[in-house]
N, C-alpha and C. Protein backbone atom coordinates (compact mmCIF):
# COMPACT_ATOMS: atom_id res chain seq x y z
N MET A 1 17.94 131.06 59.30
CA MET A 1 19.25 131.13 60.20
C MET A 1 19.18 131.65 61.22
N ARG A 2 18.56 130.38 62.54
CA ARG A 2 19.01 130.96 63.69
C ARG A 2 20.30 130.67 64.42
N ASN A 3 20.58 131.35 65.33
CA ASN A 3 22.13 131.48 65.93
C ASN A 3 21.65 130.19 67.26
N LEU A 4 21.88 129.40 67.43
CA LEU A 4 21.99 128.76 69.40
C LEU A 4 22.72 128.66 69.62
N TRP A 5 23.22 128.63 71.26
CA TRP A 5 24.28 128.68 72.00
C TRP A 5 23.57 127.96 73.22
N SER A 6 24.40 126.93 73.16
CA SER A 6 24.27 125.81 74.55
C SER A 6 25.49 125.89 75.15
N PRO A 7 25.10 125.62 76.87
CA PRO A 7 26.43 125.52 77.47
C PRO A 7 26.83 125.05 76.96
N TYR A 8 26.95 123.89 76.76
CA TYR A 8 27.96 122.91 76.30
C TYR A 8 28.73 122.65 75.31
N ARG A 9 28.52 124.05 74.41
CA ARG A 9 29.74 124.35 73.29
C ARG A 9 29.70 125.45 74.13
N ALA A 10 31.45 125.69 73.00
CA ALA A 10 32.48 127.14 73.58
C ALA A 10 32.11 128.10 72.55
N LYS A 11 30.87 127.87 71.50
CA LYS A 11 31.05 128.56 70.25
C LYS A 11 29.44 128.86 69.86
N LYS A 12 28.90 129.78 69.45
CA LYS A 12 27.71 129.79 68.61
C LYS A 12 27.53 129.31 67.38
N ARG A 13 26.80 128.77 66.92
CA ARG A 13 27.07 127.83 65.20
C ARG A 13 25.54 127.91 64.92
N ALA A 14 24.91 128.27 63.48
CA ALA A 14 24.47 128.28 62.60
C ALA A 14 23.54 127.50 62.41
N VAL A 15 22.45 127.40 62.88
CA VAL A 15 21.33 126.01 62.71
C VAL A 15 19.86 125.79 61.50
N LYS A 16 20.96 125.57 60.52
CA LYS A 16 19.72 125.20 59.40
C LYS A 16 18.45 124.53 59.59
N LYS A 17 17.30 125.43 58.79
CA LYS A 17 16.04 124.22 59.07
C LYS A 17 16.35 122.98 58.20
N GLY A 18 16.03 121.79 58.99
CA GLY A 18 16.59 120.35 59.05
C GLY A 18 17.97 119.85 59.34
N ASP A 19 18.88 120.74 59.72
CA ASP A 19 19.35 120.01 60.72
C ASP A 19 18.75 118.67 61.49
N VAL A 20 19.62 118.09 62.11
CA VAL A 20 20.18 117.21 63.25
C VAL A 20 20.53 118.08 64.99
N ILE A 21 19.58 118.33 65.14
CA ILE A 21 20.48 118.66 66.84
C ILE A 21 20.81 117.33 67.41
N LEU A 22 19.56 116.98 67.99
CA LEU A 22 19.78 116.06 68.63
C LEU A 22 19.33 114.71 68.36
N THR A 23 19.34 113.06 68.37
CA THR A 23 19.27 111.75 67.94
C THR A 23 18.61 111.35 69.36
N SER A 24 17.48 110.84 69.44
CA SER A 24 17.65 109.97 70.98
C SER A 24 16.91 108.52 70.05
N THR A 25 16.90 107.31 71.50
CA THR A 25 16.30 106.49 71.59
C THR A 25 15.01 106.29 72.55
N PRO A 26 13.91 105.79 72.09
CA PRO A 26 12.91 106.06 73.11
C PRO A 26 13.41 104.89 74.73
N PHE A 27 13.25 105.37 75.41
CA PHE A 27 13.10 104.34 76.37
C PHE A 27 12.50 102.95 77.11
N ALA A 28 10.99 103.57 76.72
CA ALA A 28 10.31 102.51 76.23
C ALA A 28 9.11 103.41 75.04
N HIS A 29 8.73 101.98 74.30
CA HIS A 29 7.91 102.62 73.88
C HIS A 29 6.54 101.81 73.25
N VAL A 30 5.68 101.97 72.60
CA VAL A 30 4.18 101.22 72.24
C VAL A 30 3.39 101.86 71.17
N VAL A 31 2.87 101.15 69.87
CA VAL A 31 2.83 101.39 68.68
C VAL A 31 1.05 101.84 68.96
N ASN A 32 0.01 102.99 68.89
CA ASN A 32 -1.09 103.11 69.50
C ASN A 32 -1.82 102.03 68.87
N HIS A 33 -2.85 101.60 69.43
CA HIS A 33 -3.47 99.92 69.20
C HIS A 33 -4.39 100.06 67.87
N GLN A 34 -4.36 101.30 67.04
CA GLN A 34 -5.20 101.52 66.13
C GLN A 34 -4.51 101.18 64.48
N TYR A 35 -2.70 101.26 64.92
CA TYR A 35 -2.05 101.12 63.63
C TYR A 35 -0.58 100.05 64.14
N VAL A 36 -1.01 99.31 64.81
CA VAL A 36 -0.43 97.78 65.90
C VAL A 36 -0.20 96.92 64.55
N SER A 37 -1.30 96.78 63.79
CA SER A 37 -0.98 95.99 62.45
C SER A 37 -0.47 96.83 61.23
N MET A 38 -0.09 97.99 61.63
CA MET A 38 1.10 98.75 60.19
C MET A 38 1.95 99.39 60.44
N TYR A 39 2.70 99.05 61.58
CA TYR A 39 3.82 99.30 61.77
C TYR A 39 4.81 97.58 62.63
N CYS A 40 6.31 98.01 62.64
CA CYS A 40 6.79 96.74 63.67
C CYS A 40 6.86 97.76 64.53
N TYR A 41 6.39 96.64 65.59
CA TYR A 41 6.36 97.15 67.07
C TYR A 41 8.25 97.45 67.33
N ASN A 42 9.23 97.09 67.04
CA ASN A 42 10.16 97.44 67.16
C ASN A 42 11.09 98.65 66.58
N CYS A 43 11.03 98.33 65.29
CA CYS A 43 11.93 99.69 64.77
C CYS A 43 11.07 100.65 63.65
N ILE A 44 9.75 100.70 64.11
CA ILE A 44 8.51 101.47 63.52
C ILE A 44 8.82 101.51 62.25
N ILE A 45 9.21 100.97 61.66
CA ILE A 45 9.06 100.94 60.12
C ILE A 45 7.24 100.37 59.91
N SER A 46 6.69 101.49 58.56
CA SER A 46 5.65 100.62 57.98
C SER A 46 5.95 100.08 56.85
N HIS A 47 4.23 99.66 57.07
CA HIS A 47 3.95 98.15 55.84
C HIS A 47 4.40 98.81 54.08
N ARG A 48 3.71 99.92 54.27
CA ARG A 48 3.40 100.97 53.10
C ARG A 48 5.16 100.86 52.92
N ASP A 49 6.22 100.98 53.49
CA ASP A 49 7.76 100.75 53.13
C ASP A 49 8.07 99.21 52.15
N LYS A 50 7.29 98.55 51.78
CA LYS A 50 7.14 97.75 50.87
C LYS A 50 7.77 96.43 52.00
N ARG A 51 7.52 96.18 52.94
CA ARG A 51 7.93 95.67 54.14
C ARG A 51 6.63 94.78 54.46
N ILE A 52 6.29 93.43 54.56
CA ILE A 52 5.33 92.02 55.35
C ILE A 52 5.90 91.95 56.59
N LEU A 53 4.89 92.10 57.33
CA LEU A 53 4.81 92.66 58.66
C LEU A 53 4.21 91.12 59.15
N SER A 54 5.00 90.75 59.89
CA SER A 54 4.57 88.87 60.83
C SER A 54 3.77 89.56 62.05
N ARG A 55 3.17 88.78 62.36
CA ARG A 55 2.09 88.66 63.86
C ARG A 55 3.08 87.80 64.70
N CYS A 56 3.53 88.11 65.65
CA CYS A 56 4.01 87.88 66.94
C CYS A 56 3.13 86.25 67.23
N GLN A 57 3.37 84.98 67.01
CA GLN A 57 2.92 83.50 66.92
C GLN A 57 2.67 83.62 68.64
N GLY A 58 3.33 84.18 69.84
CA GLY A 58 2.65 83.71 70.54
C GLY A 58 1.56 84.77 71.26
N CYS A 59 1.65 86.15 70.92
CA CYS A 59 0.77 86.73 71.57
C CYS A 59 -0.52 87.18 70.95
N ARG A 60 0.24 87.15 69.00
CA ARG A 60 -0.67 87.50 67.85
C ARG A 60 -1.76 88.54 68.07
N THR A 61 -0.35 89.78 68.46
CA THR A 61 -0.93 90.95 68.76
C THR A 61 -0.15 91.79 68.01
N LEU A 62 1.13 91.62 68.56
CA LEU A 62 2.01 92.81 67.94
C LEU A 62 2.60 92.36 66.51
N TRP A 63 3.14 93.33 66.09
CA TRP A 63 4.00 92.79 64.26
C TRP A 63 5.18 93.52 64.07
N TYR A 64 5.87 92.84 63.23
CA TYR A 64 7.16 92.67 63.49
C TYR A 64 7.74 92.86 61.76
N CYS A 65 8.39 93.49 61.34
CA CYS A 65 9.33 93.75 59.85
C CYS A 65 10.02 91.61 59.49
N SER A 66 10.56 91.65 60.74
CA SER A 66 12.07 90.40 60.26
C SER A 66 11.59 89.87 61.71
N ASP A 67 12.45 88.40 61.89
CA ASP A 67 12.80 87.45 62.63
C ASP A 67 13.38 88.80 63.62
N GLN A 68 14.86 89.21 63.35
CA GLN A 68 15.49 89.73 64.10
C GLN A 68 14.80 91.07 64.83
N CYS A 69 14.07 91.66 64.02
CA CYS A 69 13.58 93.40 64.96
C CYS A 69 12.25 92.49 66.20
N GLN A 70 11.72 90.92 65.73
CA GLN A 70 11.61 90.07 67.00
C GLN A 70 12.70 89.70 68.14
N ARG A 71 13.30 89.32 67.69
CA ARG A 71 14.41 89.09 68.76
C ARG A 71 14.86 90.29 69.42
N GLU A 72 15.59 91.26 68.83
CA GLU A 72 15.64 93.00 69.26
C GLU A 72 14.75 93.08 70.60
N ASP A 73 13.33 93.46 70.35
CA ASP A 73 12.14 93.41 71.50
C ASP A 73 11.99 92.27 72.58
N TRP A 74 12.63 91.52 71.99
CA TRP A 74 11.79 90.21 72.79
C TRP A 74 12.87 90.51 74.59
N ALA A 75 13.54 91.35 74.28
CA ALA A 75 13.85 91.23 76.18
C ALA A 75 12.73 92.07 76.84
N LEU A 76 12.12 92.83 76.00
CA LEU A 76 10.48 94.05 77.14
C LEU A 76 9.10 92.76 76.30
N HIS A 77 9.34 92.13 75.20
CA HIS A 77 8.16 91.66 74.28
C HIS A 77 8.09 90.08 75.19
N SER A 78 8.90 89.53 75.56
CA SER A 78 8.78 87.97 76.31
C SER A 78 7.71 87.86 77.39
N PHE A 79 7.53 89.04 78.40
CA PHE A 79 7.24 89.46 79.36
C PHE A 79 5.86 89.41 79.33
N GLU A 80 5.30 91.02 77.90
CA GLU A 80 4.27 91.36 77.35
C GLU A 80 3.75 90.24 77.31
N CYS A 81 4.55 89.27 76.15
CA CYS A 81 4.01 88.26 75.23
C CYS A 81 2.81 87.03 75.63
N HIS A 82 3.25 86.55 77.35
CA HIS A 82 3.00 85.45 78.24
C HIS A 82 1.21 86.55 78.29
N ASN A 83 1.61 87.37 78.80
CA ASN A 83 0.45 88.65 79.31
C ASN A 83 -0.64 88.87 78.57
N LEU A 84 -0.29 89.13 77.08
CA LEU A 84 -1.07 89.45 76.30
C LEU A 84 -1.67 88.61 75.87
N ARG A 85 -1.33 86.83 75.79
CA ARG A 85 -1.56 85.78 75.41
C ARG A 85 -2.80 85.70 76.46
N ARG A 86 -2.55 85.79 77.75
CA ARG A 86 -3.25 85.53 78.87
C ARG A 86 -4.60 86.57 78.87
N LEU A 87 -4.86 87.48 78.70
CA LEU A 87 -5.70 88.37 78.80
C LEU A 87 -6.74 87.96 77.15
N SER A 88 -6.41 88.22 76.33
CA SER A 88 -6.86 87.77 74.69
C SER A 88 -8.54 87.35 75.48
N PRO A 89 -9.28 88.11 74.50
CA PRO A 89 -8.83 89.15 73.39
C PRO A 89 -8.71 90.35 73.80
N TYR A 90 -8.78 90.52 74.95
CA TYR A 90 -8.39 91.93 76.00
C TYR A 90 -7.54 92.60 75.79
N VAL A 91 -7.35 93.78 74.89
CA VAL A 91 -5.64 94.08 74.80
C VAL A 91 -5.81 95.25 76.06
N PRO A 92 -4.90 95.68 76.61
CA PRO A 92 -4.49 96.97 77.51
C PRO A 92 -4.39 98.20 76.63
N GLN A 93 -5.13 99.44 77.67
CA GLN A 93 -4.91 100.99 76.64
C GLN A 93 -3.50 100.53 75.90
N ASP A 94 -2.87 101.72 75.57
CA ASP A 94 -1.82 101.96 75.15
C ASP A 94 -0.81 102.38 76.43
N PHE A 95 -1.44 103.26 77.27
CA PHE A 95 -0.91 104.04 78.00
C PHE A 95 -0.20 102.54 79.31
N VAL A 96 -1.32 101.39 79.30
CA VAL A 96 -1.07 100.74 80.47
C VAL A 96 0.40 100.20 79.91
N ARG A 97 -0.14 99.48 78.50
CA ARG A 97 1.35 98.88 77.92
C ARG A 97 2.62 99.57 78.55
N LEU A 98 2.51 100.75 78.03
CA LEU A 98 3.44 101.13 78.29
C LEU A 98 3.89 101.41 79.14
N MET A 99 2.72 102.04 80.21
CA MET A 99 3.77 102.06 81.90
C MET A 99 4.49 100.38 82.15
N ALA A 100 3.96 99.89 81.88
CA ALA A 100 4.46 98.61 81.70
C ALA A 100 6.10 97.72 81.46
N ARG A 101 5.54 98.49 80.30
CA ARG A 101 7.43 98.30 79.79
C ARG A 101 7.73 99.36 80.27
N VAL A 102 8.21 100.42 80.73
CA VAL A 102 8.93 100.95 81.40
C VAL A 102 9.44 100.43 82.63
N ILE A 103 8.10 100.00 83.97
CA ILE A 103 8.35 99.18 84.65
C ILE A 103 9.67 98.20 84.32
N MET A 104 9.17 97.18 83.50
CA MET A 104 9.83 96.13 83.01
C MET A 104 11.32 96.63 82.53
N ARG A 105 11.78 97.40 81.91
CA ARG A 105 12.95 98.05 81.73
C ARG A 105 13.58 98.31 83.07
N LEU A 106 12.81 99.49 83.46
CA LEU A 106 13.29 99.64 84.68
C LEU A 106 13.74 97.92 85.35
N ARG A 107 13.03 97.42 85.79
CA ARG A 107 13.21 96.14 86.70
C ARG A 107 14.54 95.85 86.18
N ASP A 108 14.63 95.53 84.75
CA ASP A 108 15.93 94.93 83.72
C ASP A 108 17.11 95.93 83.40
N GLY A 109 17.43 96.59 85.17
CA GLY A 109 18.53 97.61 84.40
C GLY A 109 18.22 98.81 83.74
N GLY A 110 17.04 99.24 83.38
CA GLY A 110 17.05 100.09 82.61
C GLY A 110 17.51 101.70 83.52
N ASP A 111 17.84 101.32 84.64
CA ASP A 111 17.88 102.48 85.39
C ASP A 111 19.67 102.64 84.85
N LYS A 112 19.87 101.39 84.75
CA LYS A 112 21.69 102.31 84.74
C LYS A 112 21.82 102.49 83.27
N ILE A 113 21.09 102.67 81.76
CA ILE A 113 20.91 102.83 80.69
C ILE A 113 20.76 104.86 80.51
N VAL A 114 22.73 105.11 80.12
CA VAL A 114 22.48 106.36 79.99
C VAL A 114 22.47 106.99 78.64
N GLU A 115 21.47 108.41 78.88
CA GLU A 115 21.40 108.87 77.36
C GLU A 115 21.81 110.16 77.17
N MET A 116 22.71 109.85 76.04
CA MET A 116 23.79 110.85 76.16
C MET A 116 23.51 111.90 75.09
N TYR A 117 23.21 113.09 75.83
CA TYR A 117 22.62 114.13 74.89
C TYR A 117 23.96 115.21 74.47
N SER A 118 25.00 115.28 74.52
CA SER A 118 25.99 115.98 74.22
C SER A 118 27.46 114.66 73.89
N GLU A 119 28.34 115.03 73.70
CA GLU A 119 29.80 114.66 73.36
C GLU A 119 29.79 114.02 75.46
N ARG A 120 29.81 115.03 75.99
CA ARG A 120 30.46 114.51 77.33
C ARG A 120 29.10 114.72 78.56
N GLU A 121 28.43 114.66 78.08
CA GLU A 121 27.15 114.83 78.72
C GLU A 121 25.63 113.89 79.14
N GLY A 122 25.29 113.57 79.79
CA GLY A 122 23.87 112.26 79.60
C GLY A 122 23.52 112.47 80.86
N ARG A 123 22.26 111.76 80.78
CA ARG A 123 21.45 111.28 82.00
C ARG A 123 20.87 110.23 82.12
N ARG A 124 20.12 110.02 83.04
CA ARG A 124 19.19 108.19 83.55
C ARG A 124 17.70 108.66 83.37
N PHE A 125 17.00 107.83 83.55
CA PHE A 125 15.88 107.77 83.39
C PHE A 125 15.27 108.52 85.29
N ARG A 126 16.48 108.41 86.64
CA ARG A 126 15.46 109.06 87.35
C ARG A 126 16.36 110.42 87.15
N ASN A 127 17.06 110.90 86.62
CA ASN A 127 17.05 112.29 86.04
C ASN A 127 16.30 113.57 85.29
N LEU A 128 14.93 112.73 85.06
CA LEU A 128 13.81 113.08 84.13
C LEU A 128 13.76 113.53 85.53
N MET A 129 12.77 115.15 84.77
CA MET A 129 11.78 115.90 85.67
C MET A 129 11.12 114.93 85.98
N ASN A 130 11.06 115.28 87.36
CA ASN A 130 9.76 114.71 88.50
C ASN A 130 8.45 115.33 89.11
N HIS A 131 7.04 114.91 88.10
CA HIS A 131 6.68 115.97 88.43
C HIS A 131 5.24 115.36 90.19
N TYR A 132 6.11 114.51 91.60
CA TYR A 132 5.59 113.41 91.84
C TYR A 132 4.96 114.78 93.07
N ALA A 133 5.50 115.78 93.04
CA ALA A 133 4.76 116.52 94.36
C ALA A 133 3.75 117.32 93.22
N ASP A 134 3.46 117.25 91.97
CA ASP A 134 2.25 118.32 91.75
C ASP A 134 1.15 117.23 91.64
N ILE A 135 1.40 115.53 91.26
CA ILE A 135 0.50 114.66 91.36
C ILE A 135 0.21 114.23 92.81
N LYS A 136 0.89 114.38 93.83
CA LYS A 136 0.43 114.27 94.98
C LYS A 136 -0.55 115.15 95.83
N GLN A 137 -0.04 116.22 94.92
CA GLN A 137 -1.58 117.27 95.46
C GLN A 137 -2.72 117.11 94.80
N ASN A 138 -3.10 116.60 93.27
CA ASN A 138 -4.01 117.07 92.56
C ASN A 138 -5.00 116.19 92.25
N LYS A 139 -6.03 115.91 93.13
CA LYS A 139 -7.11 114.34 93.26
C LYS A 139 -7.47 113.55 91.61
N GLU A 140 -7.69 114.66 90.69
CA GLU A 140 -7.46 113.91 89.53
C GLU A 140 -6.24 112.89 89.21
N ARG A 141 -5.19 113.37 89.38
CA ARG A 141 -3.97 113.02 88.78
C ARG A 141 -3.80 111.46 89.24
N LEU A 142 -4.37 111.74 90.91
CA LEU A 142 -4.20 110.65 92.22
C LEU A 142 -5.31 109.25 91.50
N ALA A 143 -5.78 110.06 91.40
CA ALA A 143 -7.04 108.84 90.74
C ALA A 143 -6.84 107.84 89.43
N ASP A 144 -5.86 108.92 88.61
CA ASP A 144 -5.50 108.44 87.18
C ASP A 144 -4.79 107.67 87.59
N ALA A 145 -3.87 107.80 88.68
CA ALA A 145 -2.42 106.79 89.07
C ALA A 145 -2.68 105.57 89.68
N ASP A 146 -4.29 106.00 90.65
CA ASP A 146 -4.84 104.79 90.75
C ASP A 146 -5.13 103.47 89.96
N TYR A 147 -6.55 104.57 88.83
CA TYR A 147 -6.34 102.81 88.13
C TYR A 147 -5.41 103.00 87.59
N LEU A 148 -4.26 103.18 86.95
CA LEU A 148 -3.57 102.79 85.77
C LEU A 148 -2.61 101.73 86.91
N ILE A 149 -2.49 102.16 88.43
CA ILE A 149 -2.70 100.16 88.96
C ILE A 149 -3.25 99.25 88.98
N GLU A 150 -4.77 100.03 89.22
CA GLU A 150 -5.55 98.79 88.77
C GLU A 150 -5.48 97.29 87.52
N GLU A 151 -5.29 98.63 86.73
CA GLU A 151 -5.37 98.17 85.34
C GLU A 151 -3.44 97.47 85.28
N LEU A 152 -2.41 97.80 85.13
CA LEU A 152 -1.43 97.38 85.96
C LEU A 152 -1.43 95.88 86.42
N LYS A 153 -1.78 96.17 87.34
CA LYS A 153 -2.08 94.80 88.85
C LYS A 153 -2.91 93.85 87.70
N ARG A 154 -3.85 93.89 86.57
CA ARG A 154 -4.58 93.00 86.12
C ARG A 154 -3.76 92.73 84.48
N TYR A 155 -2.72 93.73 84.63
CA TYR A 155 -1.65 93.30 83.29
C TYR A 155 -0.71 92.55 83.49
N ILE A 156 -0.17 92.89 84.03
CA ILE A 156 1.41 92.37 84.42
C ILE A 156 1.22 91.26 85.79
N GLY A 157 0.55 91.89 87.35
CA GLY A 157 0.69 91.14 88.38
C GLY A 157 1.31 92.14 89.27
N GLU A 158 0.37 92.04 90.75
CA GLU A 158 0.49 93.13 91.15
C GLU A 158 2.44 92.86 92.05
N GLU A 159 2.72 92.01 92.27
CA GLU A 159 4.31 91.60 92.48
C GLU A 159 4.97 92.38 92.05
N TYR A 160 4.51 92.73 90.30
CA TYR A 160 5.46 93.54 89.24
C TYR A 160 5.33 95.47 89.92
N ILE A 161 4.49 95.24 90.21
CA ILE A 161 4.21 96.65 90.69
C ILE A 161 5.19 97.63 92.07
N PRO A 162 5.42 98.71 91.52
CA PRO A 162 6.69 99.34 92.30
C PRO A 162 6.19 99.54 93.57
N ASN A 163 6.22 100.21 95.29
CA ASN A 163 5.65 100.59 96.13
C ASN A 163 5.14 101.69 95.37
N TYR A 164 3.73 102.51 96.23
CA TYR A 164 2.82 103.64 95.74
C TYR A 164 4.19 104.89 95.46
N SER A 165 4.98 104.78 97.10
CA SER A 165 5.37 106.29 96.09
C SER A 165 6.45 105.87 94.83
N ASP A 166 6.79 104.47 94.99
CA ASP A 166 8.13 104.84 93.64
C ASP A 166 7.20 104.11 92.50
N PHE A 167 5.72 104.19 91.92
CA PHE A 167 5.05 104.29 91.21
C PHE A 167 4.97 105.56 90.94
N LEU A 168 4.66 106.72 92.10
CA LEU A 168 4.18 107.46 91.39
C LEU A 168 5.53 108.65 90.97
N GLY A 169 6.97 108.12 91.53
CA GLY A 169 7.75 108.95 91.00
C GLY A 169 8.14 108.89 88.95
N ILE A 170 7.73 107.04 88.99
CA ILE A 170 7.49 106.38 87.38
C ILE A 170 6.88 107.41 86.89
N TYR A 171 5.82 107.87 87.51
CA TYR A 171 4.64 107.57 86.69
C TYR A 171 4.75 109.77 85.98
N GLY A 172 4.84 109.84 87.10
CA GLY A 172 5.40 111.36 87.58
C GLY A 172 6.94 112.20 86.35
N ARG A 173 7.58 110.46 86.38
CA ARG A 173 8.66 111.31 85.03
C ARG A 173 7.71 111.40 83.53
């Protein structure tokens, strides 16, 4: 057993192996392309858990365990669905799809979402550590960002890509 001290708590407490210290909902996620037919795209439940997964009838790429899960994911997937259908049979790389979801989430008010990490304290996407300066000084990272922008233009269209410095700020988080 270890004692952990948090600046948000006045006292020490014992933490045992297996104790849940923090739970968090991802800001955006994608299922690895190798496993996309094995997990619900919304709740990440496995088909092995005796759940039958159904393919999205629009893009025929993503899988869901129920109509409810598909409806819950529709806010992000509706835009993605159209683009996956348009590019079929090509499916963008996982990281391209993830960045597209982050961009779309931020465009739809995701910058106002506060992730609480204690009873009184929370943070927003913009509060995450930013590696913008590191990226600007590293030619390989800049080349990766430029490649990603080109792939995103193909996937979601140029009009949805933030300006270059804003994009690097998102990419750096």
